[in-house]
Amino acid sequence: MPRPPPVLFPLTMAEASPTDRIDAALARIERAIQTRERSTSELKQRHEALRARVGEAIAALDSLGARNG
């Protein structure tokens, strides 16, 4: 489970300790990784659904061709 970013308020990043800045950067990186993983997973699901639909369409065309050919 990713750790929450450190609370820097009322400090600005320039006033925060180096450790707090590193922790905040790590939290941002972890959030970006999670977002990318979700996007990749959703894209894979969409690809599989599209692949299945294309397969069905090709099978229907083959069936039409067999009947008319």
C-alpha atoms as a PDB file:
ATOM      1  CA  MET A   1       0.000   0.000   0.000  1.00  0.00           C
ATOM      2  CA  PRO A   2       1.566   3.302  -1.008  1.00  0.00           C
ATOM      3  CA  ARG A   3       2.234   5.715   1.754  1.00  0.00           C
ATOM      4  CA  PRO A   4       0.461   9.066   1.642  1.00  0.00           C
ATOM      5  CA  PRO A   5       2.536  12.071   0.658  1.00  0.00           C
ATOM      6  CA  PRO A   6       3.961  13.972   3.595  1.00  0.00           C
ATOM      7  CA  VAL A   7       1.994  16.953   4.781  1.00  0.00           C
ATOM      8  CA  LEU A   8       4.087  19.995   3.985  1.00  0.00           C
ATOM      9  CA  PHE A   9       1.529  22.660   4.845  1.00  0.00           C
ATOM     10  CA  PRO A  10       2.288  25.355   5.855  1.00  0.00           C
ATOM     11  CA  LEU A  11       5.784  24.723   4.523  1.00  0.00           C
ATOM     12  CA  THR A  12       6.598  25.154   0.872  1.00  0.00           C
ATOM     13  CA  MET A  13       8.735  22.571  -0.871  1.00  0.00           C
ATOM     14  CA  ALA A  14      11.714  24.908  -0.591  1.00  0.00           C
ATOM     15  CA  GLU A  15      11.238  25.045   3.179  1.00  0.00           C
ATOM     16  CA  ALA A  16      10.647  21.303   3.595  1.00  0.00           C
ATOM     17  CA  SER A  17      13.411  19.000   4.723  1.00  0.00           C
ATOM     18  CA  PRO A  18      15.227  16.974   2.074  1.00  0.00           C
ATOM     19  CA  THR A  19      13.637  13.818   3.485  1.00  0.00           C
ATOM     20  CA  ASP A  20      10.132  15.296   3.151  1.00  0.00           C
ATOM     21  CA  ARG A  21      10.868  16.355  -0.424  1.00  0.00           C
ATOM     22  CA  ILE A  22      12.140  12.870  -1.285  1.00  0.00           C
ATOM     23  CA  ASP A  23       9.058  11.281   0.334  1.00  0.00           C
ATOM     24  CA  ALA A  24       6.779  13.618  -1.637  1.00  0.00           C
ATOM     25  CA  ALA A  25       8.602  12.767  -4.871  1.00  0.00           C
ATOM     26  CA  LEU A  26       8.326   9.028  -4.165  1.00  0.00           C
ATOM     27  CA  ALA A  27       4.595   9.403  -3.494  1.00  0.00           C
ATOM     28  CA  ARG A  28       4.150  11.205  -6.832  1.00  0.00           C
ATOM     29  CA  ILE A  29       6.087   8.470  -8.638  1.00  0.00           C
ATOM     30  CA  GLU A  30       4.020   5.738  -6.962  1.00  0.00           C
ATOM     31  CA  ARG A  31       0.762   7.479  -7.964  1.00  0.00           C
ATOM     32  CA  ALA A  32       1.991   7.801 -11.550  1.00  0.00           C
ATOM     33  CA  ILE A  33       2.871   4.092 -11.650  1.00  0.00           C
ATOM     34  CA  GLN A  34      -0.569   3.129 -10.342  1.00  0.00           C
ATOM     35  CA  THR A  35      -2.273   5.357 -12.899  1.00  0.00           C
ATOM     36  CA  ARG A  36      -0.237   3.831 -15.706  1.00  0.00           C
ATOM     37  CA  GLU A  37      -0.969   0.288 -14.508  1.00  0.00           C
ATOM     38  CA  ARG A  38      -4.718   1.028 -14.483  1.00  0.00           C
ATOM     39  CA  SER A  39      -4.493   2.520 -17.979  1.00  0.00           C
ATOM     40  CA  THR A  40      -2.550  -0.486 -19.262  1.00  0.00           C
ATOM     41  CA  SER A  41      -5.045  -2.907 -17.725  1.00  0.00           C
ATOM     42  CA  GLU A  42      -8.003  -1.044 -19.242  1.00  0.00           C
ATOM     43  CA  LEU A  43      -6.299  -0.957 -22.641  1.00  0.00           C
ATOM     44  CA  LYS A  44      -5.671  -4.715 -22.507  1.00  0.00           C
ATOM     45  CA  GLN A  45      -9.345  -5.327 -21.715  1.00  0.00           C
ATOM     46  CA  ARG A  46     -10.474  -3.100 -24.578  1.00  0.00           C
ATOM     47  CA  HIS A  47      -8.048  -4.827 -26.941  1.00  0.00           C
ATOM     48  CA  GLU A  48      -9.350  -8.281 -26.004  1.00  0.00           C
ATOM     49  CA  ALA A  49     -12.981  -7.165 -26.455  1.00  0.00           C
ATOM     50  CA  LEU A  50     -12.194  -5.650 -29.858  1.00  0.00           C
ATOM     51  CA  ARG A  51     -10.271  -8.741 -30.891  1.00  0.00           C
ATOM     52  CA  ALA A  52     -13.271 -10.926 -30.012  1.00  0.00           C
ATOM     53  CA  ARG A  53     -15.648  -8.679 -31.988  1.00  0.00           C
ATOM     54  CA  VAL A  54     -13.366  -8.710 -35.023  1.00  0.00           C
ATOM     55  CA  GLY A  55     -13.138 -12.495 -34.791  1.00  0.00           C
ATOM     56  CA  GLU A  56     -16.931 -12.725 -34.741  1.00  0.00           C
ATOM     57  CA  ALA A  57     -17.224 -10.408 -37.739  1.00  0.00           C
ATOM     58  CA  ILE A  58     -14.685 -12.435 -39.719  1.00  0.00           C
ATOM     59  CA  ALA A  59     -16.506 -15.664 -38.845  1.00  0.00           C
ATOM     60  CA  ALA A  60     -19.800 -14.131 -40.040  1.00  0.00           C
ATOM     61  CA  LEU A  61     -18.182 -13.039 -43.306  1.00  0.00           C
ATOM     62  CA  ASP A  62     -16.685 -16.505 -43.791  1.00  0.00           C
ATOM     63  CA  SER A  63     -20.118 -18.028 -43.215  1.00  0.00           C
ATOM     64  CA  LEU A  64     -21.693 -15.715 -45.797  1.00  0.00           C
ATOM     65  CA  GLY A  65     -18.956 -16.539 -48.262  1.00  0.00           C
ATOM     66  CA  ALA A  66     -19.437 -20.287 -47.749  1.00  0.00           C
ATOM     67  CA  ARG A  67     -23.183 -20.020 -48.362  1.00  0.00           C
ATOM     68  CA  ASN A  68     -22.833 -17.860 -51.452  1.00  0.00           C
ATOM     69  CA  GLY A  69     -19.718 -19.333 -52.846  1.00  0.00           C
END
